[in-house]
Amino acid sequence: KGGTWAPYKALLPLPSQEISRNPSLRGHQNPGYTN
């Protein structure tokens, strides 16, 4: 497999303190990560 990797497409975990500060983020963690 080849191709190029686009770093802007990486899904990183949302920090739990950001979720605590912004209630609208609750339940919207990126796939593969848990709080």
Protein backbone atom coordinates (compact mmCIF):
# COMPACT_ATOMS: atom_id res chain seq x y z
CA LYS A 1 0.00 0.00 0.00
CA GLY A 2 1.22 3.41 -0.78
CA GLY A 3 0.01 6.92 -0.73
CA THR A 4 0.57 10.01 1.27
CA TRP A 5 -0.64 10.73 4.77
CA ALA A 6 -2.50 13.95 5.47
CA PRO A 7 -1.95 14.93 9.13
CA TYR A 8 -5.03 17.18 9.14
CA LYS A 9 -7.17 14.05 8.73
CA ALA A 10 -5.90 12.50 11.99
CA LEU A 11 -8.58 12.00 14.64
CA LEU A 12 -7.13 12.60 18.07
CA PRO A 13 -8.91 12.18 21.40
CA LEU A 14 -10.71 15.20 22.78
CA PRO A 15 -9.19 16.05 26.18
CA SER A 16 -11.62 15.29 29.01
CA GLN A 17 -11.14 18.78 30.46
CA GLU A 18 -12.27 20.30 27.13
CA ILE A 19 -15.39 18.13 27.23
CA SER A 20 -15.98 19.28 30.84
CA ARG A 21 -15.62 22.94 29.84
CA ASN A 22 -17.87 22.63 26.79
CA PRO A 23 -20.99 20.55 27.51
CA SER A 24 -21.94 20.50 23.81
CA LEU A 25 -18.98 18.13 23.24
CA ARG A 26 -20.35 15.46 25.60
CA GLY A 27 -21.03 12.27 23.72
CA HIS A 28 -18.96 13.41 20.73
CA GLN A 29 -15.58 11.80 21.44
CA ASN A 30 -13.71 10.75 18.30
CA PRO A 31 -14.10 7.08 17.28
CA GLY A 32 -11.76 4.68 19.05
CA TYR A 33 -11.34 6.82 22.17
CA THR A 34 -13.24 6.83 25.45
CA ASN A 35 -13.39 9.41 28.22
